[in-house]
C-alpha cells in the first residue's frame, strides 16, 4: 500500500541513505591528466570555510553549518578530531572534504563534494581516495557517511563504486534554507520552493 505524508510549506524533505565501509578497499585510480591538488587545512578560518561550504553545497542545499554561531563553528573547525581538506585548482578551492574522528575507531565523512566546475573531471575520485587513505591510516574500524536525494544525482552510485555499502535510510525534513536567506533563492533549482 502506498503512503504519502504531507510536508509542510516552507520545508524541504529528502531521503537520506547511510553507507559504511569496514575495511580499506582497493582505490580507484584518478585520471592521470587530472589538474589540482589536495590541500590540508591546518588553521581553517570560519569565513574561508563557509565560502567553500557554500560553493560546493549550495546546489544541494547544505545548510547545517550556516546555522551555527561563529563560536560553535570555530569549535568544530579547531577540534583535533576534525580534519579538513580542499581540492585546489589554480589557487582556487573547488572541493571540500571534512572528516570527523570524534567517535573511537570510527570516522565520519561529514562533508564531501566538489564544485560544479570539477564534476566529471576525476577530482571527486581523487578526494575520496584521500578520504579513505586518511581514515584507514588511523585505527579505524568503520568509515561512514550519508547522502540524500537532494545531493548530486550520481552521489549514491559514486559512493558504492568507492566501496561503501548502504546500511539504512531515514527521512530528513528541515526548514528550507532559501526562505530565510541562508542560501540564495536560486540555489538547487531542482528542488521546488513552497513558501
Foldseek 3Di string as FASTA:
>chain_A
DDDDDDFDAQKFKWKKWKWKFQDQDPADDFDPPFAWDKAKDQQDADVVVVVQCCQWCLLLQDFPLLPDDRVVNNCQVNDPQKIWIFTDGPRDGFWIWIWGRPDPQEIEGEDTGGGPVCPPRRSSSVVVVVVSVVSVVDNHRMYMYMDIPSPDVCVVVVVVVRPIDTDDMDMDMDRRCCVVVSHPVPHNVVTDHGD
